[in-house]
């Protein structure tokens, strides 16, 4: 889902709706969005798959997205100036674009991605994969993402 190869379309009406919850948005995407490709077959940058993944995380994690992000990602990485509340508490937080952060926290995040020997690092394969994505401000075209993935020895997206 977070590698933008779920097969879902990039955008739907559901991920930016302020009249539904994250769970309702994911249900709407699942019910009404047509698959664009088989999972893993095509890189499609957008927020629909992020909303579905966020809703799944809420169910598995037993908490709302903003709380999960803070306790499972931001706090362990020492990103105490990063959250999903920049636009206010939302029942349907925009997972792909709703984050706010300080320059220092973004620099720490980028350093973590570039330095897999750091003590708080995630799996090195996840770091390589994540570096092909962007983080809200830089998306890749299908061609750029495919080349990025190939350069890092990852499976082709198409």
N, C-alpha and C. Protein backbone atom coordinates (compact mmCIF):
# COMPACT_ATOMS: atom_id res chain seq x y z
N UNK A 1 0.81 -1.19 0.00
CA UNK A 1 0.00 0.00 0.00
C UNK A 1 0.87 1.27 0.00
N UNK A 2 1.84 1.33 0.92
CA UNK A 2 2.64 2.54 1.03
C UNK A 2 3.70 2.64 -0.06
N UNK A 3 3.87 1.62 -0.87
CA UNK A 3 4.79 1.70 -2.00
C UNK A 3 4.06 2.13 -3.27
N UNK A 4 2.79 2.46 -3.16
CA UNK A 4 1.97 2.94 -4.27
C UNK A 4 1.83 1.91 -5.39
N UNK A 5 1.86 0.64 -5.05
CA UNK A 5 1.69 -0.42 -6.04
C UNK A 5 0.53 -1.35 -5.67
N UNK A 6 -0.48 -0.82 -4.99
CA UNK A 6 -1.61 -1.63 -4.54
C UNK A 6 -2.54 -2.02 -5.68
N UNK A 7 -2.48 -1.28 -6.77
CA UNK A 7 -3.43 -1.48 -7.86
C UNK A 7 -4.61 -0.54 -7.80
N UNK A 8 -4.76 0.15 -6.66
CA UNK A 8 -5.84 1.13 -6.52
C UNK A 8 -5.52 2.39 -7.33
N UNK A 9 -6.54 3.17 -7.69
CA UNK A 9 -6.25 4.43 -8.39
C UNK A 9 -5.53 5.39 -7.46
N UNK A 10 -4.86 6.37 -8.02
CA UNK A 10 -4.14 7.34 -7.21
C UNK A 10 -5.05 8.16 -6.32
N UNK A 11 -6.12 8.67 -6.87
CA UNK A 11 -7.03 9.54 -6.13
C UNK A 11 -8.48 9.09 -6.32
N UNK A 12 -9.27 9.28 -5.29
CA UNK A 12 -10.71 9.06 -5.36
C UNK A 12 -11.38 10.20 -4.60
N UNK A 13 -12.67 10.20 -4.55
CA UNK A 13 -13.40 11.23 -3.79
C UNK A 13 -13.28 11.00 -2.29
N UNK A 14 -12.86 9.82 -1.86
CA UNK A 14 -12.95 9.44 -0.46
C UNK A 14 -11.83 9.95 0.42
N UNK A 15 -10.60 10.01 -0.08
CA UNK A 15 -9.51 10.35 0.83
C UNK A 15 -9.52 11.80 1.30
N UNK A 16 -10.17 12.68 0.57
CA UNK A 16 -10.21 14.08 1.00
C UNK A 16 -11.58 14.48 1.55
N UNK A 17 -12.47 13.53 1.72
CA UNK A 17 -13.80 13.85 2.24
C UNK A 17 -13.74 14.16 3.73
N UNK A 18 -14.34 15.27 4.10
CA UNK A 18 -14.38 15.65 5.53
C UNK A 18 -15.68 15.20 6.19
N UNK A 19 -16.51 14.50 5.44
CA UNK A 19 -17.81 14.07 6.00
C UNK A 19 -17.83 12.61 6.39
N UNK A 20 -16.68 11.91 6.27
CA UNK A 20 -16.62 10.50 6.63
C UNK A 20 -15.43 10.26 7.55
N UNK A 21 -15.42 9.12 8.20
CA UNK A 21 -14.27 8.71 9.00
C UNK A 21 -13.25 8.03 8.10
N UNK A 22 -12.07 7.76 8.63
CA UNK A 22 -11.05 7.04 7.87
C UNK A 22 -11.56 5.65 7.49
N UNK A 23 -12.26 4.99 8.42
CA UNK A 23 -12.82 3.67 8.13
C UNK A 23 -13.86 3.73 7.01
N UNK A 24 -14.70 4.76 7.04
CA UNK A 24 -15.71 4.92 5.99
C UNK A 24 -15.06 5.24 4.64
N UNK A 25 -13.99 6.02 4.67
CA UNK A 25 -13.27 6.34 3.44
C UNK A 25 -12.69 5.06 2.83
N UNK A 26 -12.06 4.24 3.66
CA UNK A 26 -11.48 2.98 3.16
C UNK A 26 -12.57 2.07 2.61
N UNK A 27 -13.71 2.02 3.28
CA UNK A 27 -14.83 1.21 2.79
C UNK A 27 -15.33 1.73 1.45
N UNK A 28 -15.42 3.06 1.32
CA UNK A 28 -15.85 3.65 0.05
C UNK A 28 -14.87 3.35 -1.08
N UNK A 29 -13.58 3.44 -0.79
CA UNK A 29 -12.56 3.13 -1.79
C UNK A 29 -12.69 1.67 -2.21
N UNK A 30 -12.83 0.79 -1.23
CA UNK A 30 -12.93 -0.64 -1.53
C UNK A 30 -14.19 -0.96 -2.34
N UNK A 31 -15.29 -0.28 -2.04
CA UNK A 31 -16.55 -0.57 -2.70
C UNK A 31 -16.68 0.05 -4.09
N UNK A 32 -16.09 1.24 -4.28
CA UNK A 32 -16.39 1.99 -5.51
C UNK A 32 -15.20 2.24 -6.43
N UNK A 33 -13.99 2.16 -5.93
CA UNK A 33 -12.83 2.43 -6.79
C UNK A 33 -12.49 1.19 -7.61
N UNK A 34 -12.29 1.38 -8.89
CA UNK A 34 -11.91 0.26 -9.74
C UNK A 34 -10.40 0.07 -9.69
N UNK A 35 -9.99 -1.18 -9.55
CA UNK A 35 -8.56 -1.50 -9.57
C UNK A 35 -7.97 -1.07 -10.91
N UNK A 36 -6.79 -0.47 -10.86
CA UNK A 36 -6.11 -0.02 -12.07
C UNK A 36 -5.16 -1.09 -12.61
N UNK A 37 -4.74 -2.00 -11.74
CA UNK A 37 -3.82 -3.07 -12.11
C UNK A 37 -3.82 -4.09 -10.97
N UNK A 38 -3.20 -5.22 -11.21
CA UNK A 38 -3.01 -6.21 -10.15
C UNK A 38 -2.03 -5.64 -9.12
N UNK A 39 -2.21 -5.97 -7.84
CA UNK A 39 -1.26 -5.48 -6.83
C UNK A 39 0.19 -5.81 -7.22
N UNK A 40 1.05 -4.80 -7.09
CA UNK A 40 2.45 -4.97 -7.41
C UNK A 40 2.82 -4.75 -8.87
N UNK A 41 1.83 -4.59 -9.73
CA UNK A 41 2.12 -4.51 -11.16
C UNK A 41 2.32 -3.10 -11.68
N UNK A 42 1.86 -2.08 -10.96
CA UNK A 42 1.91 -0.72 -11.48
C UNK A 42 2.10 0.27 -10.33
N UNK A 43 3.01 1.22 -10.51
CA UNK A 43 3.21 2.30 -9.54
C UNK A 43 2.23 3.41 -9.88
N UNK A 44 1.35 3.76 -8.94
CA UNK A 44 0.40 4.85 -9.12
C UNK A 44 0.45 5.71 -7.87
N UNK A 45 1.05 6.91 -8.01
CA UNK A 45 1.22 7.79 -6.86
C UNK A 45 -0.12 8.43 -6.50
N UNK A 46 -0.47 8.40 -5.23
CA UNK A 46 -1.70 9.03 -4.79
C UNK A 46 -2.08 8.60 -3.40
N UNK A 47 -3.22 9.07 -2.95
CA UNK A 47 -3.62 8.88 -1.57
C UNK A 47 -4.59 7.75 -1.28
N UNK A 48 -5.22 7.17 -2.29
CA UNK A 48 -6.24 6.16 -2.02
C UNK A 48 -5.67 4.97 -1.25
N UNK A 49 -4.54 4.45 -1.70
CA UNK A 49 -3.96 3.29 -1.01
C UNK A 49 -3.49 3.66 0.39
N UNK A 50 -3.07 4.90 0.57
CA UNK A 50 -2.64 5.35 1.89
C UNK A 50 -3.81 5.35 2.87
N UNK A 51 -4.99 5.79 2.40
CA UNK A 51 -6.17 5.80 3.28
C UNK A 51 -6.55 4.38 3.69
N UNK A 52 -6.50 3.45 2.73
CA UNK A 52 -6.84 2.06 3.05
C UNK A 52 -5.83 1.50 4.04
N UNK A 53 -4.54 1.75 3.82
CA UNK A 53 -3.51 1.26 4.75
C UNK A 53 -3.68 1.90 6.13
N UNK A 54 -3.99 3.18 6.17
CA UNK A 54 -4.22 3.86 7.44
C UNK A 54 -5.39 3.27 8.20
N UNK A 55 -6.47 2.97 7.48
CA UNK A 55 -7.64 2.36 8.12
C UNK A 55 -7.30 0.97 8.66
N UNK A 56 -6.53 0.19 7.90
CA UNK A 56 -6.10 -1.12 8.37
C UNK A 56 -5.23 -0.99 9.62
N UNK A 57 -4.35 0.00 9.62
CA UNK A 57 -3.48 0.23 10.79
C UNK A 57 -4.32 0.58 12.02
N UNK A 58 -5.38 1.38 11.84
CA UNK A 58 -6.25 1.71 12.96
C UNK A 58 -6.88 0.45 13.56
N UNK A 59 -7.35 -0.44 12.70
CA UNK A 59 -8.00 -1.66 13.17
C UNK A 59 -6.99 -2.54 13.91
N UNK A 60 -5.85 -2.78 13.28
CA UNK A 60 -4.84 -3.66 13.88
C UNK A 60 -4.23 -3.03 15.13
N UNK A 61 -3.99 -1.70 15.08
CA UNK A 61 -3.35 -1.01 16.20
C UNK A 61 -4.28 -0.63 17.33
N UNK A 62 -5.57 -0.67 17.08
CA UNK A 62 -6.53 -0.36 18.13
C UNK A 62 -6.56 1.10 18.54
N UNK A 63 -6.15 2.01 17.64
CA UNK A 63 -6.16 3.44 17.94
C UNK A 63 -6.34 4.22 16.65
N UNK A 64 -6.61 5.51 16.78
CA UNK A 64 -6.75 6.37 15.61
C UNK A 64 -5.41 6.62 14.94
N UNK A 65 -5.45 7.04 13.68
CA UNK A 65 -4.23 7.23 12.90
C UNK A 65 -3.26 8.22 13.56
N UNK A 66 -3.74 9.36 14.00
CA UNK A 66 -2.84 10.36 14.58
C UNK A 66 -2.12 9.80 15.80
N UNK A 67 -2.84 9.06 16.65
CA UNK A 67 -2.21 8.44 17.82
C UNK A 67 -1.21 7.36 17.42
N UNK A 68 -1.58 6.53 16.45
CA UNK A 68 -0.66 5.49 15.99
C UNK A 68 0.61 6.10 15.41
N UNK A 69 0.45 7.13 14.58
CA UNK A 69 1.62 7.77 13.98
C UNK A 69 2.55 8.31 15.06
N UNK A 70 1.97 8.98 16.05
CA UNK A 70 2.78 9.56 17.12
C UNK A 70 3.49 8.49 17.93
N UNK A 71 2.76 7.47 18.38
CA UNK A 71 3.36 6.47 19.27
C UNK A 71 4.23 5.45 18.56
N UNK A 72 3.93 5.14 17.31
CA UNK A 72 4.68 4.07 16.62
C UNK A 72 5.77 4.58 15.68
N UNK A 73 5.66 5.82 15.22
CA UNK A 73 6.63 6.33 14.25
C UNK A 73 7.35 7.57 14.79
N UNK A 74 6.61 8.64 15.04
CA UNK A 74 7.24 9.91 15.40
C UNK A 74 8.01 9.82 16.72
N UNK A 75 7.40 9.35 17.78
CA UNK A 75 8.08 9.30 19.08
C UNK A 75 9.31 8.39 19.08
N UNK A 76 9.22 7.16 18.55
CA UNK A 76 10.41 6.31 18.53
C UNK A 76 11.57 6.92 17.73
N UNK A 77 11.26 7.73 16.73
CA UNK A 77 12.31 8.36 15.93
C UNK A 77 12.72 9.71 16.51
N UNK A 78 12.14 10.10 17.64
CA UNK A 78 12.48 11.39 18.25
C UNK A 78 11.93 12.57 17.48
N UNK A 79 10.90 12.35 16.69
CA UNK A 79 10.30 13.41 15.88
C UNK A 79 9.17 14.08 16.66
N UNK A 80 9.54 14.84 17.68
CA UNK A 80 8.54 15.43 18.58
C UNK A 80 7.91 16.70 18.03
N UNK A 81 8.28 17.11 16.84
CA UNK A 81 7.67 18.28 16.20
C UNK A 81 6.96 17.86 14.90
N UNK A 82 6.46 16.63 14.87
CA UNK A 82 5.81 16.09 13.69
C UNK A 82 4.50 15.45 14.11
N UNK A 83 3.41 15.80 13.42
CA UNK A 83 2.12 15.20 13.74
C UNK A 83 1.14 15.32 12.56
N UNK A 84 -0.04 14.79 12.76
CA UNK A 84 -1.12 14.86 11.78
C UNK A 84 -2.21 15.83 12.21
N UNK A 85 -1.92 16.70 13.15
CA UNK A 85 -2.94 17.60 13.66
C UNK A 85 -2.80 19.02 13.15
N UNK A 86 -1.95 19.25 12.16
CA UNK A 86 -1.73 20.59 11.64
C UNK A 86 -2.98 21.25 11.09
N UNK A 87 -3.89 20.44 10.59
CA UNK A 87 -5.14 21.00 10.06
C UNK A 87 -6.30 20.72 11.02
N UNK A 88 -5.97 20.39 12.23
CA UNK A 88 -7.00 20.10 13.23
C UNK A 88 -7.30 18.62 13.28
N UNK A 89 -7.94 18.21 14.35
CA UNK A 89 -8.32 16.82 14.49
C UNK A 89 -9.33 16.48 13.40
N UNK A 90 -9.06 15.40 12.68
CA UNK A 90 -9.94 15.01 11.57
C UNK A 90 -10.35 13.56 11.72
N UNK A 91 -11.61 13.28 11.46
CA UNK A 91 -12.09 11.90 11.50
C UNK A 91 -11.51 11.10 10.33
N UNK A 92 -11.15 11.80 9.25
CA UNK A 92 -10.58 11.18 8.05
C UNK A 92 -9.28 11.91 7.72
N UNK A 93 -8.21 11.68 8.51
CA UNK A 93 -6.96 12.40 8.24
C UNK A 93 -6.40 12.03 6.88
N UNK A 94 -5.92 12.99 6.17
CA UNK A 94 -5.34 12.76 4.84
C UNK A 94 -3.96 12.14 5.04
N UNK A 95 -3.88 10.81 5.01
CA UNK A 95 -2.65 10.09 5.33
C UNK A 95 -1.51 10.54 4.42
N UNK A 96 -1.78 10.71 3.14
CA UNK A 96 -0.72 11.05 2.18
C UNK A 96 -0.26 12.51 2.27
N UNK A 97 -1.04 13.39 2.85
CA UNK A 97 -0.68 14.80 2.82
C UNK A 97 -0.96 15.56 4.11
N UNK A 98 -1.46 14.92 5.13
CA UNK A 98 -1.90 15.63 6.31
C UNK A 98 -0.85 15.88 7.37
N UNK A 99 0.37 15.55 7.10
CA UNK A 99 1.42 15.65 8.12
C UNK A 99 2.00 17.06 8.16
N UNK A 100 2.44 17.47 9.33
CA UNK A 100 3.21 18.71 9.46
C UNK A 100 4.45 18.38 10.28
N UNK A 101 5.54 19.08 10.00
CA UNK A 101 6.79 18.77 10.66
C UNK A 101 7.71 19.97 10.63
N UNK A 102 8.68 19.97 11.53
CA UNK A 102 9.70 21.01 11.53
C UNK A 102 10.82 20.62 10.56
N UNK A 103 11.60 21.59 10.16
CA UNK A 103 12.75 21.33 9.30
C UNK A 103 13.71 20.36 9.99
N UNK A 104 13.92 20.53 11.29
CA UNK A 104 14.82 19.64 12.02
C UNK A 104 14.32 18.20 12.00
N UNK A 105 13.02 18.00 12.20
CA UNK A 105 12.49 16.64 12.18
C UNK A 105 12.56 16.03 10.79
N UNK A 106 12.31 16.82 9.76
CA UNK A 106 12.43 16.30 8.39
C UNK A 106 13.87 15.92 8.11
N UNK A 107 14.81 16.73 8.56
CA UNK A 107 16.23 16.41 8.38
C UNK A 107 16.58 15.11 9.10
N UNK A 108 16.07 14.91 10.32
CA UNK A 108 16.31 13.67 11.04
C UNK A 108 15.74 12.47 10.29
N UNK A 109 14.54 12.63 9.75
CA UNK A 109 13.89 11.55 9.00
C UNK A 109 14.72 11.21 7.76
N UNK A 110 15.15 12.22 7.04
CA UNK A 110 15.96 11.98 5.84
C UNK A 110 17.31 11.36 6.19
N UNK A 111 17.89 11.78 7.30
CA UNK A 111 19.15 11.17 7.74
C UNK A 111 18.92 9.70 8.07
N UNK A 112 17.81 9.38 8.72
CA UNK A 112 17.49 8.00 9.04
C UNK A 112 17.36 7.17 7.76
N UNK A 113 16.72 7.72 6.75
CA UNK A 113 16.58 7.00 5.49
C UNK A 113 17.94 6.76 4.84
N UNK A 114 18.85 7.72 4.97
CA UNK A 114 20.14 7.61 4.32
C UNK A 114 21.19 6.86 5.12
N UNK A 115 20.92 6.56 6.37
CA UNK A 115 21.92 5.93 7.22
C UNK A 115 21.32 4.72 7.93
N UNK A 116 21.40 3.57 7.29
CA UNK A 116 20.76 2.37 7.83
C UNK A 116 21.51 1.79 9.02
N UNK A 117 22.67 2.36 9.39
CA UNK A 117 23.42 1.87 10.55
C UNK A 117 23.00 2.56 11.84
N UNK A 118 22.08 3.53 11.73
CA UNK A 118 21.61 4.26 12.89
C UNK A 118 20.86 3.32 13.83
N UNK A 119 20.92 3.53 15.10
CA UNK A 119 20.34 2.60 16.06
C UNK A 119 18.83 2.48 15.96
N UNK A 120 18.15 3.49 15.46
CA UNK A 120 16.69 3.46 15.37
C UNK A 120 16.22 3.08 13.98
N UNK A 121 17.06 2.48 13.16
CA UNK A 121 16.71 2.25 11.76
C UNK A 121 15.68 1.14 11.59
N UNK A 122 14.84 1.27 10.57
CA UNK A 122 13.94 0.18 10.19
C UNK A 122 14.72 -0.83 9.35
N UNK A 123 14.05 -1.85 8.89
CA UNK A 123 14.65 -2.83 8.01
C UNK A 123 15.29 -2.14 6.80
N UNK A 124 16.55 -2.48 6.45
CA UNK A 124 17.21 -1.82 5.32
C UNK A 124 16.42 -1.91 4.01
N UNK A 125 15.71 -3.01 3.78
CA UNK A 125 14.88 -3.11 2.58
C UNK A 125 13.78 -2.07 2.57
N UNK A 126 13.21 -1.78 3.73
CA UNK A 126 12.17 -0.75 3.82
C UNK A 126 12.73 0.62 3.54
N UNK A 127 13.96 0.87 3.99
CA UNK A 127 14.59 2.16 3.73
C UNK A 127 14.82 2.34 2.25
N UNK A 128 15.36 1.31 1.59
CA UNK A 128 15.59 1.40 0.14
C UNK A 128 14.27 1.65 -0.58
N UNK A 129 13.22 0.94 -0.20
CA UNK A 129 11.91 1.10 -0.83
C UNK A 129 11.37 2.50 -0.58
N UNK A 130 11.44 2.98 0.67
CA UNK A 130 10.89 4.28 1.02
C UNK A 130 11.58 5.41 0.27
N UNK A 131 12.86 5.26 0.00
CA UNK A 131 13.57 6.34 -0.66
C UNK A 131 13.13 6.54 -2.09
N UNK A 132 12.31 5.66 -2.62
CA UNK A 132 11.77 5.80 -3.98
C UNK A 132 10.41 6.49 -3.98
N UNK A 133 9.94 6.93 -2.86
CA UNK A 133 8.57 7.39 -2.79
C UNK A 133 8.41 8.90 -2.73
N UNK A 134 9.03 9.55 -1.86
CA UNK A 134 8.71 10.95 -1.62
C UNK A 134 8.01 11.02 -0.27
N UNK A 135 7.83 12.20 0.24
CA UNK A 135 7.23 12.32 1.57
C UNK A 135 6.32 13.53 1.59
N UNK A 136 5.37 13.55 0.67
CA UNK A 136 4.39 14.62 0.66
C UNK A 136 4.76 15.78 -0.23
N UNK A 137 6.03 16.03 -0.43
CA UNK A 137 6.40 17.17 -1.26
C UNK A 137 7.03 16.77 -2.58
N UNK A 138 7.49 15.54 -2.75
CA UNK A 138 8.13 15.11 -3.98
C UNK A 138 7.60 13.75 -4.36
N UNK A 139 6.79 13.71 -5.38
CA UNK A 139 6.32 12.45 -5.90
C UNK A 139 7.14 12.10 -7.14
N UNK A 140 7.14 10.86 -7.52
CA UNK A 140 7.86 10.41 -8.69
C UNK A 140 6.87 10.01 -9.77
N UNK A 141 7.24 10.24 -11.03
CA UNK A 141 6.45 9.72 -12.13
C UNK A 141 6.63 8.20 -12.14
N UNK A 142 5.79 7.49 -12.90
CA UNK A 142 5.94 6.04 -12.99
C UNK A 142 7.34 5.66 -13.46
N UNK A 143 7.84 6.40 -14.44
CA UNK A 143 9.17 6.09 -14.99
C UNK A 143 10.27 6.34 -13.95
N UNK A 144 10.19 7.46 -13.23
CA UNK A 144 11.19 7.75 -12.20
C UNK A 144 11.15 6.72 -11.08
N UNK A 145 9.96 6.32 -10.66
CA UNK A 145 9.84 5.32 -9.60
C UNK A 145 10.39 3.98 -10.05
N UNK A 146 10.09 3.58 -11.29
CA UNK A 146 10.60 2.32 -11.82
C UNK A 146 12.12 2.34 -11.85
N UNK A 147 12.70 3.46 -12.32
CA UNK A 147 14.15 3.57 -12.37
C UNK A 147 14.75 3.57 -10.95
N UNK A 148 14.13 4.28 -10.03
CA UNK A 148 14.60 4.31 -8.65
C UNK A 148 14.62 2.90 -8.07
N UNK A 149 13.53 2.17 -8.29
CA UNK A 149 13.44 0.80 -7.77
C UNK A 149 14.50 -0.09 -8.41
N UNK A 150 14.71 0.05 -9.71
CA UNK A 150 15.72 -0.74 -10.41
C UNK A 150 17.12 -0.42 -9.88
N UNK A 151 17.40 0.86 -9.65
CA UNK A 151 18.71 1.29 -9.14
C UNK A 151 19.00 0.68 -7.77
N UNK A 152 17.96 0.38 -7.01
CA UNK A 152 18.14 -0.15 -5.66
C UNK A 152 17.97 -1.68 -5.61
N UNK A 153 17.84 -2.29 -6.79
CA UNK A 153 17.72 -3.74 -6.83
C UNK A 153 16.39 -4.28 -6.38
N UNK A 154 15.35 -3.45 -6.47
CA UNK A 154 14.01 -3.86 -6.07
C UNK A 154 13.26 -4.36 -7.30
N UNK A 155 12.18 -5.10 -7.07
CA UNK A 155 11.39 -5.65 -8.17
C UNK A 155 10.84 -4.52 -9.04
N UNK A 156 10.75 -4.78 -10.30
CA UNK A 156 10.19 -3.81 -11.24
C UNK A 156 8.74 -3.59 -10.93
N UNK A 157 8.29 -2.35 -11.09
CA UNK A 157 6.89 -2.02 -10.81
C UNK A 157 6.04 -2.12 -12.05
N UNK A 158 6.55 -2.61 -13.12
CA UNK A 158 5.69 -2.66 -14.30
C UNK A 158 6.18 -3.46 -15.39
